[in-house]
All heavy atoms as atom14 arrays in JSON, in Angstrom:
{
  "sequence": "GLDEFDSAPFLVKIPSEVGEKFEYDVDVEPKARWVSHDGEPVGPDEPE",
  "atom14_mask": [
    [1, 1, 1, 1, 0, 0, 0, 0, 0, 0, 0, 0, 0, 0],
    [1, 1, 1, 1, 1, 1, 1, 1, 0, 0, 0, 0, 0, 0],
    [1, 1, 1, 1, 1, 1, 1, 1, 0, 0, 0, 0, 0, 0],
    [1, 1, 1, 1, 1, 1, 1, 1, 1, 0, 0, 0, 0, 0],
    [1, 1, 1, 1, 1, 1, 1, 1, 1, 1, 1, 0, 0, 0],
    [1, 1, 1, 1, 1, 1, 1, 1, 0, 0, 0, 0, 0, 0],
    [1, 1, 1, 1, 1, 1, 0, 0, 0, 0, 0, 0, 0, 0],
    [1, 1, 1, 1, 1, 0, 0, 0, 0, 0, 0, 0, 0, 0],
    [1, 1, 1, 1, 1, 1, 1, 0, 0, 0, 0, 0, 0, 0],
    [1, 1, 1, 1, 1, 1, 1, 1, 1, 1, 1, 0, 0, 0],
    [1, 1, 1, 1, 1, 1, 1, 1, 0, 0, 0, 0, 0, 0],
    [1, 1, 1, 1, 1, 1, 1, 0, 0, 0, 0, 0, 0, 0],
    [1, 1, 1, 1, 1, 1, 1, 1, 1, 0, 0, 0, 0, 0],
    [1, 1, 1, 1, 1, 1, 1, 1, 0, 0, 0, 0, 0, 0],
    [1, 1, 1, 1, 1, 1, 1, 0, 0, 0, 0, 0, 0, 0],
    [1, 1, 1, 1, 1, 1, 0, 0, 0, 0, 0, 0, 0, 0],
    [1, 1, 1, 1, 1, 1, 1, 1, 1, 0, 0, 0, 0, 0],
    [1, 1, 1, 1, 1, 1, 1, 0, 0, 0, 0, 0, 0, 0],
    [1, 1, 1, 1, 0, 0, 0, 0, 0, 0, 0, 0, 0, 0],
    [1, 1, 1, 1, 1, 1, 1, 1, 1, 0, 0, 0, 0, 0],
    [1, 1, 1, 1, 1, 1, 1, 1, 1, 0, 0, 0, 0, 0],
    [1, 1, 1, 1, 1, 1, 1, 1, 1, 1, 1, 0, 0, 0],
    [1, 1, 1, 1, 1, 1, 1, 1, 1, 0, 0, 0, 0, 0],
    [1, 1, 1, 1, 1, 1, 1, 1, 1, 1, 1, 1, 0, 0],
    [1, 1, 1, 1, 1, 1, 1, 1, 0, 0, 0, 0, 0, 0],
    [1, 1, 1, 1, 1, 1, 1, 0, 0, 0, 0, 0, 0, 0],
    [1, 1, 1, 1, 1, 1, 1, 1, 0, 0, 0, 0, 0, 0],
    [1, 1, 1, 1, 1, 1, 1, 0, 0, 0, 0, 0, 0, 0],
    [1, 1, 1, 1, 1, 1, 1, 1, 1, 0, 0, 0, 0, 0],
    [1, 1, 1, 1, 1, 1, 1, 0, 0, 0, 0, 0, 0, 0],
    [1, 1, 1, 1, 1, 1, 1, 1, 1, 0, 0, 0, 0, 0],
    [1, 1, 1, 1, 1, 0, 0, 0, 0, 0, 0, 0, 0, 0],
    [1, 1, 1, 1, 1, 1, 1, 1, 1, 1, 1, 0, 0, 0],
    [1, 1, 1, 1, 1, 1, 1, 1, 1, 1, 1, 1, 1, 1],
    [1, 1, 1, 1, 1, 1, 1, 0, 0, 0, 0, 0, 0, 0],
    [1, 1, 1, 1, 1, 1, 0, 0, 0, 0, 0, 0, 0, 0],
    [1, 1, 1, 1, 1, 1, 1, 1, 1, 1, 0, 0, 0, 0],
    [1, 1, 1, 1, 1, 1, 1, 1, 0, 0, 0, 0, 0, 0],
    [1, 1, 1, 1, 0, 0, 0, 0, 0, 0, 0, 0, 0, 0],
    [1, 1, 1, 1, 1, 1, 1, 1, 1, 0, 0, 0, 0, 0],
    [1, 1, 1, 1, 1, 1, 1, 0, 0, 0, 0, 0, 0, 0],
    [1, 1, 1, 1, 1, 1, 1, 0, 0, 0, 0, 0, 0, 0],
    [1, 1, 1, 1, 0, 0, 0, 0, 0, 0, 0, 0, 0, 0],
    [1, 1, 1, 1, 1, 1, 1, 0, 0, 0, 0, 0, 0, 0],
    [1, 1, 1, 1, 1, 1, 1, 1, 0, 0, 0, 0, 0, 0],
    [1, 1, 1, 1, 1, 1, 1, 1, 1, 0, 0, 0, 0, 0],
    [1, 1, 1, 1, 1, 1, 1, 0, 0, 0, 0, 0, 0, 0],
    [1, 1, 1, 1, 1, 1, 1, 1, 1, 0, 0, 0, 0, 0]
  ],
  "atom14_positions": [
    [[37.72, -7.66, 99.66], [36.49, -8.16, 99.06], [36.82, -9.2, 98.01], [37.5, -10.19, 98.26], [0.0, 0.0, 0.0], [0.0, 0.0, 0.0], [0.0, 0.0, 0.0], [0.0, 0.0, 0.0], [0.0, 0.0, 0.0], [0.0, 0.0, 0.0], [0.0, 0.0, 0.0], [0.0, 0.0, 0.0], [0.0, 0.0, 0.0], [0.0, 0.0, 0.0]],
    [[36.34, -8.96, 96.79], [36.61, -9.88, 95.67], [37.88, -9.52, 94.93], [38.28, -10.23, 94.01], [35.42, -9.86, 94.69], [34.07, -10.31, 95.25], [32.99, -10.17, 94.2], [34.14, -11.75, 95.74], [0.0, 0.0, 0.0], [0.0, 0.0, 0.0], [0.0, 0.0, 0.0], [0.0, 0.0, 0.0], [0.0, 0.0, 0.0], [0.0, 0.0, 0.0]],
    [[38.52, -8.41, 95.31], [39.7, -7.93, 94.59], [40.98, -8.33, 95.32], [41.01, -8.42, 96.55], [39.65, -6.41, 94.45], [38.41, -5.94, 93.71], [38.25, -6.35, 92.55], [37.61, -5.19, 94.29], [0.0, 0.0, 0.0], [0.0, 0.0, 0.0], [0.0, 0.0, 0.0], [0.0, 0.0, 0.0], [0.0, 0.0, 0.0], [0.0, 0.0, 0.0]],
    [[42.03, -8.55, 94.52], [43.33, -8.95, 95.06], [44.41, -8.05, 94.49], [44.41, -7.78, 93.29], [43.61, -10.42, 94.73], [44.86, -10.97, 95.39], [45.05, -12.44, 95.08], [44.16, -13.03, 94.44], [46.09, -13.0, 95.47], [0.0, 0.0, 0.0], [0.0, 0.0, 0.0], [0.0, 0.0, 0.0], [0.0, 0.0, 0.0], [0.0, 0.0, 0.0]],
    [[45.34, -7.6, 95.34], [46.37, -6.65, 94.93], [47.74, -7.13, 95.41], [47.85, -7.85, 96.41], [46.1, -5.25, 95.52], [44.82, -4.63, 95.08], [43.63, -4.91, 95.74], [44.78, -3.76, 93.99], [42.44, -4.33, 95.35], [43.6, -3.17, 93.59], [42.42, -3.46, 94.26], [0.0, 0.0, 0.0], [0.0, 0.0, 0.0], [0.0, 0.0, 0.0]],
    [[48.79, -6.7, 94.69], [50.14, -6.91, 95.17], [50.99, -5.69, 94.83], [50.55, -4.79, 94.12], [50.76, -8.19, 94.59], [51.03, -8.09, 93.1], [50.74, -7.03, 92.5], [51.53, -9.07, 92.51], [0.0, 0.0, 0.0], [0.0, 0.0, 0.0], [0.0, 0.0, 0.0], [0.0, 0.0, 0.0], [0.0, 0.0, 0.0], [0.0, 0.0, 0.0]],
    [[52.21, -5.64, 95.37], [53.11, -4.51, 95.16], [54.52, -5.02, 94.98], [54.93, -6.01, 95.61], [53.05, -3.55, 96.36], [53.98, -2.49, 96.19], [0.0, 0.0, 0.0], [0.0, 0.0, 0.0], [0.0, 0.0, 0.0], [0.0, 0.0, 0.0], [0.0, 0.0, 0.0], [0.0, 0.0, 0.0], [0.0, 0.0, 0.0], [0.0, 0.0, 0.0]],
    [[55.29, -4.35, 94.11], [56.67, -4.74, 93.85], [57.58, -4.19, 94.95], [57.25, -3.2, 95.61], [57.11, -4.21, 92.48], [0.0, 0.0, 0.0], [0.0, 0.0, 0.0], [0.0, 0.0, 0.0], [0.0, 0.0, 0.0], [0.0, 0.0, 0.0], [0.0, 0.0, 0.0], [0.0, 0.0, 0.0], [0.0, 0.0, 0.0], [0.0, 0.0, 0.0]],
    [[58.74, -4.8, 95.19], [59.7, -4.27, 96.18], [60.16, -2.86, 95.8], [60.2, -2.51, 94.62], [60.86, -5.28, 96.11], [60.28, -6.51, 95.53], [59.21, -6.06, 94.59], [0.0, 0.0, 0.0], [0.0, 0.0, 0.0], [0.0, 0.0, 0.0], [0.0, 0.0, 0.0], [0.0, 0.0, 0.0], [0.0, 0.0, 0.0], [0.0, 0.0, 0.0]],
    [[60.53, -2.05, 96.8], [61.0, -0.7, 96.53], [62.0, -0.28, 97.59], [62.09, -0.87, 98.67], [59.82, 0.3, 96.46], [58.97, 0.35, 97.7], [59.19, 1.31, 98.68], [57.94, -0.57, 97.88], [58.39, 1.36, 99.82], [57.14, -0.53, 99.02], [57.37, 0.44, 99.99], [0.0, 0.0, 0.0], [0.0, 0.0, 0.0], [0.0, 0.0, 0.0]],
    [[62.79, 0.75, 97.26], [63.85, 1.25, 98.13], [63.48, 2.62, 98.69], [62.87, 3.44, 97.98], [65.18, 1.35, 97.38], [65.84, 0.03, 96.98], [66.99, 0.28, 96.0], [66.36, -0.7, 98.21], [0.0, 0.0, 0.0], [0.0, 0.0, 0.0], [0.0, 0.0, 0.0], [0.0, 0.0, 0.0], [0.0, 0.0, 0.0], [0.0, 0.0, 0.0]],
    [[63.86, 2.88, 99.94], [63.63, 4.17, 100.58], [64.93, 4.59, 101.27], [65.54, 3.79, 102.01], [62.49, 4.11, 101.62], [62.34, 5.46, 102.3], [61.19, 3.7, 100.95], [0.0, 0.0, 0.0], [0.0, 0.0, 0.0], [0.0, 0.0, 0.0], [0.0, 0.0, 0.0], [0.0, 0.0, 0.0], [0.0, 0.0, 0.0], [0.0, 0.0, 0.0]],
    [[65.33, 5.83, 101.05], [66.55, 6.36, 101.66], [66.18, 7.37, 102.74], [65.29, 8.2, 102.56], [67.43, 7.03, 100.61], [68.78, 7.51, 101.13], [69.59, 8.14, 100.01], [70.94, 8.65, 100.52], [71.74, 9.28, 99.44], [0.0, 0.0, 0.0], [0.0, 0.0, 0.0], [0.0, 0.0, 0.0], [0.0, 0.0, 0.0], [0.0, 0.0, 0.0]],
    [[66.87, 7.3, 103.87], [66.7, 8.26, 104.96], [68.04, 8.96, 105.21], [69.04, 8.29, 105.5], [66.23, 7.57, 106.24], [64.82, 7.0, 106.05], [66.22, 8.55, 107.41], [64.3, 6.27, 107.27], [0.0, 0.0, 0.0], [0.0, 0.0, 0.0], [0.0, 0.0, 0.0], [0.0, 0.0, 0.0], [0.0, 0.0, 0.0], [0.0, 0.0, 0.0]],
    [[68.07, 10.29, 105.05], [66.97, 11.16, 104.6], [66.8, 11.08, 103.09], [67.74, 10.76, 102.36], [67.44, 12.54, 105.04], [68.93, 12.46, 104.95], [69.3, 11.07, 105.37], [0.0, 0.0, 0.0], [0.0, 0.0, 0.0], [0.0, 0.0, 0.0], [0.0, 0.0, 0.0], [0.0, 0.0, 0.0], [0.0, 0.0, 0.0], [0.0, 0.0, 0.0]],
    [[65.58, 11.39, 102.63], [65.3, 11.44, 101.2], [65.27, 12.89, 100.74], [64.75, 13.77, 101.44], [63.94, 10.79, 100.89], [64.01, 9.39, 101.06], [0.0, 0.0, 0.0], [0.0, 0.0, 0.0], [0.0, 0.0, 0.0], [0.0, 0.0, 0.0], [0.0, 0.0, 0.0], [0.0, 0.0, 0.0], [0.0, 0.0, 0.0], [0.0, 0.0, 0.0]],
    [[65.83, 13.12, 99.58], [65.86, 14.48, 99.03], [64.54, 14.78, 98.35], [64.16, 14.13, 97.36], [67.02, 14.63, 98.05], [67.24, 16.06, 97.58], [68.48, 16.21, 96.72], [69.19, 15.2, 96.53], [68.74, 17.34, 96.26], [0.0, 0.0, 0.0], [0.0, 0.0, 0.0], [0.0, 0.0, 0.0], [0.0, 0.0, 0.0], [0.0, 0.0, 0.0]],
    [[63.81, 15.73, 98.88], [62.52, 16.15, 98.34], [62.63, 17.61, 97.96], [62.7, 18.49, 98.82], [61.38, 15.93, 99.36], [60.05, 16.36, 98.74], [61.33, 14.49, 99.81], [0.0, 0.0, 0.0], [0.0, 0.0, 0.0], [0.0, 0.0, 0.0], [0.0, 0.0, 0.0], [0.0, 0.0, 0.0], [0.0, 0.0, 0.0], [0.0, 0.0, 0.0]],
    [[62.67, 17.87, 96.65], [62.91, 19.23, 96.21], [64.33, 19.64, 96.55], [65.3, 19.01, 96.14], [0.0, 0.0, 0.0], [0.0, 0.0, 0.0], [0.0, 0.0, 0.0], [0.0, 0.0, 0.0], [0.0, 0.0, 0.0], [0.0, 0.0, 0.0], [0.0, 0.0, 0.0], [0.0, 0.0, 0.0], [0.0, 0.0, 0.0], [0.0, 0.0, 0.0]],
    [[64.46, 20.66, 97.36], [65.78, 21.12, 97.8], [66.02, 20.82, 99.28], [66.95, 21.34, 99.88], [65.92, 22.63, 97.54], [65.84, 23.01, 96.07], [65.98, 24.5, 95.86], [66.03, 25.23, 96.86], [66.05, 24.93, 94.69], [0.0, 0.0, 0.0], [0.0, 0.0, 0.0], [0.0, 0.0, 0.0], [0.0, 0.0, 0.0], [0.0, 0.0, 0.0]],
    [[65.16, 19.97, 99.86], [65.28, 19.65, 101.28], [65.55, 18.16, 101.47], [65.26, 17.34, 100.59], [63.99, 20.04, 102.02], [63.68, 21.52, 102.02], [62.4, 21.79, 102.8], [62.08, 23.28, 102.84], [60.83, 23.55, 103.6], [0.0, 0.0, 0.0], [0.0, 0.0, 0.0], [0.0, 0.0, 0.0], [0.0, 0.0, 0.0], [0.0, 0.0, 0.0]],
    [[66.1, 17.81, 102.61], [66.3, 16.43, 103.01], [65.3, 16.1, 104.1], [65.33, 16.68, 105.19], [67.73, 16.21, 103.49], [68.75, 16.21, 102.37], [69.4, 17.38, 102.02], [69.02, 15.05, 101.67], [70.32, 17.4, 100.99], [69.95, 15.04, 100.64], [70.6, 16.22, 100.29], [0.0, 0.0, 0.0], [0.0, 0.0, 0.0], [0.0, 0.0, 0.0]],
    [[64.39, 15.18, 103.78], [63.32, 14.82, 104.7], [63.68, 13.53, 105.44], [64.04, 12.53, 104.82], [62.0, 14.63, 103.94], [61.49, 15.88, 103.24], [60.98, 16.92, 104.22], [60.77, 16.56, 105.4], [60.79, 18.08, 103.81], [0.0, 0.0, 0.0], [0.0, 0.0, 0.0], [0.0, 0.0, 0.0], [0.0, 0.0, 0.0], [0.0, 0.0, 0.0]],
    [[63.54, 13.57, 106.77], [63.77, 12.38, 107.59], [62.48, 11.6, 107.83], [62.54, 10.42, 108.17], [64.42, 12.77, 108.92], [65.91, 13.01, 108.8], [66.39, 14.22, 108.33], [66.82, 12.03, 109.16], [67.75, 14.46, 108.22], [68.19, 12.25, 109.05], [68.65, 13.46, 108.57], [70.0, 13.67, 108.45], [0.0, 0.0, 0.0], [0.0, 0.0, 0.0]],
    [[61.35, 12.27, 107.71], [60.05, 11.59, 107.79], [59.56, 11.4, 106.36], [59.06, 12.33, 105.72], [59.05, 12.41, 108.6], [59.46, 12.52, 110.06], [60.05, 11.56, 110.58], [59.21, 13.58, 110.67], [0.0, 0.0, 0.0], [0.0, 0.0, 0.0], [0.0, 0.0, 0.0], [0.0, 0.0, 0.0], [0.0, 0.0, 0.0], [0.0, 0.0, 0.0]],
    [[59.71, 10.18, 105.85], [59.47, 9.9, 104.44], [58.1, 9.24, 104.28], [57.82, 8.19, 104.9], [60.57, 8.99, 103.86], [60.36, 8.78, 102.36], [61.95, 9.59, 104.12], [0.0, 0.0, 0.0], [0.0, 0.0, 0.0], [0.0, 0.0, 0.0], [0.0, 0.0, 0.0], [0.0, 0.0, 0.0], [0.0, 0.0, 0.0], [0.0, 0.0, 0.0]],
    [[57.24, 9.84, 103.46], [55.93, 9.27, 103.14], [56.02, 8.56, 101.79], [56.46, 9.14, 100.81], [54.87, 10.37, 103.06], [54.67, 11.08, 104.4], [54.76, 10.39, 105.44], [54.46, 12.31, 104.39], [0.0, 0.0, 0.0], [0.0, 0.0, 0.0], [0.0, 0.0, 0.0], [0.0, 0.0, 0.0], [0.0, 0.0, 0.0], [0.0, 0.0, 0.0]],
    [[55.58, 7.31, 101.76], [55.61, 6.53, 100.52], [54.23, 5.95, 100.25], [53.49, 5.6, 101.19], [56.66, 5.4, 100.59], [58.06, 5.97, 100.65], [56.41, 4.46, 101.76], [0.0, 0.0, 0.0], [0.0, 0.0, 0.0], [0.0, 0.0, 0.0], [0.0, 0.0, 0.0], [0.0, 0.0, 0.0], [0.0, 0.0, 0.0], [0.0, 0.0, 0.0]],
    [[53.88, 5.85, 98.98], [52.64, 5.23, 98.53], [53.0, 4.14, 97.53], [53.11, 4.41, 96.33], [51.7, 6.27, 97.9], [51.23, 7.33, 98.88], [50.3, 8.34, 98.24], [50.04, 8.21, 97.02], [49.84, 9.25, 98.94], [0.0, 0.0, 0.0], [0.0, 0.0, 0.0], [0.0, 0.0, 0.0], [0.0, 0.0, 0.0], [0.0, 0.0, 0.0]],
    [[53.17, 2.92, 97.98], [53.54, 1.84, 97.06], [52.49, 1.66, 95.97], [51.28, 1.79, 96.22], [53.61, 0.6, 97.97], [53.75, 1.15, 99.35], [53.04, 2.45, 99.37], [0.0, 0.0, 0.0], [0.0, 0.0, 0.0], [0.0, 0.0, 0.0], [0.0, 0.0, 0.0], [0.0, 0.0, 0.0], [0.0, 0.0, 0.0], [0.0, 0.0, 0.0]],
    [[52.96, 1.38, 94.77], [52.04, 1.16, 93.65], [51.42, -0.22, 93.77], [52.1, -1.24, 93.71], [52.78, 1.29, 92.32], [51.88, 1.16, 91.1], [52.67, 1.35, 89.82], [51.75, 1.23, 88.6], [52.52, 1.39, 87.34], [0.0, 0.0, 0.0], [0.0, 0.0, 0.0], [0.0, 0.0, 0.0], [0.0, 0.0, 0.0], [0.0, 0.0, 0.0]],
    [[50.09, -0.25, 93.98], [49.38, -1.51, 94.13], [48.88, -1.98, 92.76], [48.19, -1.25, 92.05], [48.2, -1.35, 95.09], [0.0, 0.0, 0.0], [0.0, 0.0, 0.0], [0.0, 0.0, 0.0], [0.0, 0.0, 0.0], [0.0, 0.0, 0.0], [0.0, 0.0, 0.0], [0.0, 0.0, 0.0], [0.0, 0.0, 0.0], [0.0, 0.0, 0.0]],
    [[49.23, -3.21, 92.39], [48.8, -3.78, 91.11], [47.57, -4.65, 91.35], [47.55, -5.5, 92.23], [49.92, -4.62, 90.5], [49.59, -5.17, 89.12], [50.83, -5.84, 88.53], [51.19, -7.04, 89.28], [50.83, -8.27, 88.94], [50.1, -8.48, 87.86], [51.2, -9.31, 89.66], [0.0, 0.0, 0.0], [0.0, 0.0, 0.0], [0.0, 0.0, 0.0]],
    [[46.51, -4.39, 90.54], [45.26, -5.16, 90.67], [45.48, -6.52, 90.04], [45.67, -6.65, 88.83], [44.12, -4.41, 89.99], [42.77, -5.04, 90.16], [42.29, -5.67, 91.26], [41.73, -5.08, 89.19], [41.01, -6.11, 91.05], [40.64, -5.75, 89.79], [41.6, -4.61, 87.89], [39.44, -5.97, 89.12], [40.41, -4.82, 87.23], [39.34, -5.48, 87.83]],
    [[45.49, -7.57, 90.85], [45.79, -8.91, 90.36], [44.56, -9.56, 89.75], [44.6, -10.06, 88.62], [46.35, -9.78, 91.51], [46.62, -11.2, 91.01], [47.63, -9.17, 92.05], [0.0, 0.0, 0.0], [0.0, 0.0, 0.0], [0.0, 0.0, 0.0], [0.0, 0.0, 0.0], [0.0, 0.0, 0.0], [0.0, 0.0, 0.0], [0.0, 0.0, 0.0]],
    [[43.44, -9.57, 90.47], [42.26, -10.27, 89.95], [41.01, -9.78, 90.67], [41.07, -9.11, 91.7], [42.39, -11.79, 90.14], [42.42, -12.1, 91.52], [0.0, 0.0, 0.0], [0.0, 0.0, 0.0], [0.0, 0.0, 0.0], [0.0, 0.0, 0.0], [0.0, 0.0, 0.0], [0.0, 0.0, 0.0], [0.0, 0.0, 0.0], [0.0, 0.0, 0.0]],
    [[39.88, -10.16, 90.07], [38.56, -9.89, 90.65], [37.83, -11.23, 90.72], [37.28, -11.71, 89.73], [37.79, -8.9, 89.79], [36.38, -8.66, 90.25], [36.07, -7.8, 91.29], [35.2, -9.17, 89.83], [34.77, -7.8, 91.47], [34.22, -8.63, 90.61], [0.0, 0.0, 0.0], [0.0, 0.0, 0.0], [0.0, 0.0, 0.0], [0.0, 0.0, 0.0]],
    [[37.88, -11.87, 91.89], [37.28, -13.19, 92.09], [37.82, -14.17, 91.05], [37.07, -14.91, 90.42], [35.76, -13.11, 92.02], [35.11, -14.4, 92.54], [35.77, -15.14, 93.29], [33.95, -14.65, 92.17], [0.0, 0.0, 0.0], [0.0, 0.0, 0.0], [0.0, 0.0, 0.0], [0.0, 0.0, 0.0], [0.0, 0.0, 0.0], [0.0, 0.0, 0.0]],
    [[39.09, -14.16, 90.84], [39.72, -15.05, 89.88], [40.31, -14.28, 88.74], [41.5, -14.03, 88.7], [0.0, 0.0, 0.0], [0.0, 0.0, 0.0], [0.0, 0.0, 0.0], [0.0, 0.0, 0.0], [0.0, 0.0, 0.0], [0.0, 0.0, 0.0], [0.0, 0.0, 0.0], [0.0, 0.0, 0.0], [0.0, 0.0, 0.0], [0.0, 0.0, 0.0]],
    [[39.48, -13.83, 87.8], [39.94, -13.07, 86.65], [38.97, -11.93, 86.38], [37.76, -12.12, 86.47], [40.04, -13.96, 85.4], [41.18, -14.97, 85.45], [42.54, -14.31, 85.46], [42.66, -13.19, 84.95], [43.49, -14.92, 85.99], [0.0, 0.0, 0.0], [0.0, 0.0, 0.0], [0.0, 0.0, 0.0], [0.0, 0.0, 0.0], [0.0, 0.0, 0.0]],
    [[39.47, -10.73, 86.03], [38.57, -9.63, 85.69], [37.76, -9.95, 84.45], [38.24, -10.63, 83.54], [39.52, -8.45, 85.44], [40.81, -8.85, 86.07], [40.87, -10.33, 86.02], [0.0, 0.0, 0.0], [0.0, 0.0, 0.0], [0.0, 0.0, 0.0], [0.0, 0.0, 0.0], [0.0, 0.0, 0.0], [0.0, 0.0, 0.0], [0.0, 0.0, 0.0]],
    [[36.51, -9.49, 84.42], [35.64, -9.69, 83.26], [35.68, -8.44, 82.42], [35.45, -7.34, 82.91], [34.19, -10.0, 83.7], [33.29, -10.14, 82.49], [34.16, -11.27, 84.53], [0.0, 0.0, 0.0], [0.0, 0.0, 0.0], [0.0, 0.0, 0.0], [0.0, 0.0, 0.0], [0.0, 0.0, 0.0], [0.0, 0.0, 0.0], [0.0, 0.0, 0.0]],
    [[36.0, -8.59, 81.13], [36.11, -7.44, 80.24], [34.76, -6.81, 79.98], [33.71, -7.44, 80.16], [0.0, 0.0, 0.0], [0.0, 0.0, 0.0], [0.0, 0.0, 0.0], [0.0, 0.0, 0.0], [0.0, 0.0, 0.0], [0.0, 0.0, 0.0], [0.0, 0.0, 0.0], [0.0, 0.0, 0.0], [0.0, 0.0, 0.0], [0.0, 0.0, 0.0]],
    [[34.73, -5.54, 79.51], [33.45, -4.85, 79.32], [32.61, -5.45, 78.21], [31.41, -5.35, 78.24], [33.89, -3.41, 78.96], [35.29, -3.55, 78.46], [35.89, -4.71, 79.23], [0.0, 0.0, 0.0], [0.0, 0.0, 0.0], [0.0, 0.0, 0.0], [0.0, 0.0, 0.0], [0.0, 0.0, 0.0], [0.0, 0.0, 0.0], [0.0, 0.0, 0.0]],
    [[33.24, -6.09, 77.21], [32.49, -6.64, 76.08], [32.29, -8.14, 76.2], [31.8, -8.79, 75.29], [33.21, -6.34, 74.77], [33.32, -4.85, 74.52], [32.39, -4.14, 74.94], [34.32, -4.42, 73.93], [0.0, 0.0, 0.0], [0.0, 0.0, 0.0], [0.0, 0.0, 0.0], [0.0, 0.0, 0.0], [0.0, 0.0, 0.0], [0.0, 0.0, 0.0]],
    [[32.69, -8.73, 77.29], [32.6, -10.17, 77.46], [31.49, -10.51, 78.44], [31.5, -10.03, 79.57], [33.94, -10.71, 77.97], [33.95, -12.22, 78.16], [35.28, -12.69, 78.72], [36.24, -11.9, 78.73], [35.35, -13.85, 79.16], [0.0, 0.0, 0.0], [0.0, 0.0, 0.0], [0.0, 0.0, 0.0], [0.0, 0.0, 0.0], [0.0, 0.0, 0.0]],
    [[30.49, -11.32, 78.07], [29.43, -11.67, 79.01], [29.97, -12.51, 80.15], [30.92, -13.28, 79.98], [28.43, -12.47, 78.15], [29.26, -13.0, 77.02], [30.33, -11.96, 76.77], [0.0, 0.0, 0.0], [0.0, 0.0, 0.0], [0.0, 0.0, 0.0], [0.0, 0.0, 0.0], [0.0, 0.0, 0.0], [0.0, 0.0, 0.0], [0.0, 0.0, 0.0]],
    [[29.36, -12.33, 81.33], [29.84, -13.06, 82.49], [29.55, -14.55, 82.36], [30.32, -15.39, 82.8], [29.19, -12.51, 83.76], [29.61, -11.08, 84.09], [29.1, -10.67, 85.45], [28.52, -11.52, 86.14], [29.26, -9.5, 85.81], [0.0, 0.0, 0.0], [0.0, 0.0, 0.0], [0.0, 0.0, 0.0], [0.0, 0.0, 0.0], [0.0, 0.0, 0.0]]
  ]
}
């Protein structure tokens, strides 16, 4: 929509140690950074 996101590079190891187990099916959720809202976000105290 009007929002734009990006994500930083990241590393994944197979198998990955999860708790006391080694998982071969690795689930990852990259951290998405909110870049802008139709250009620049409008602050709560700033009139549009």
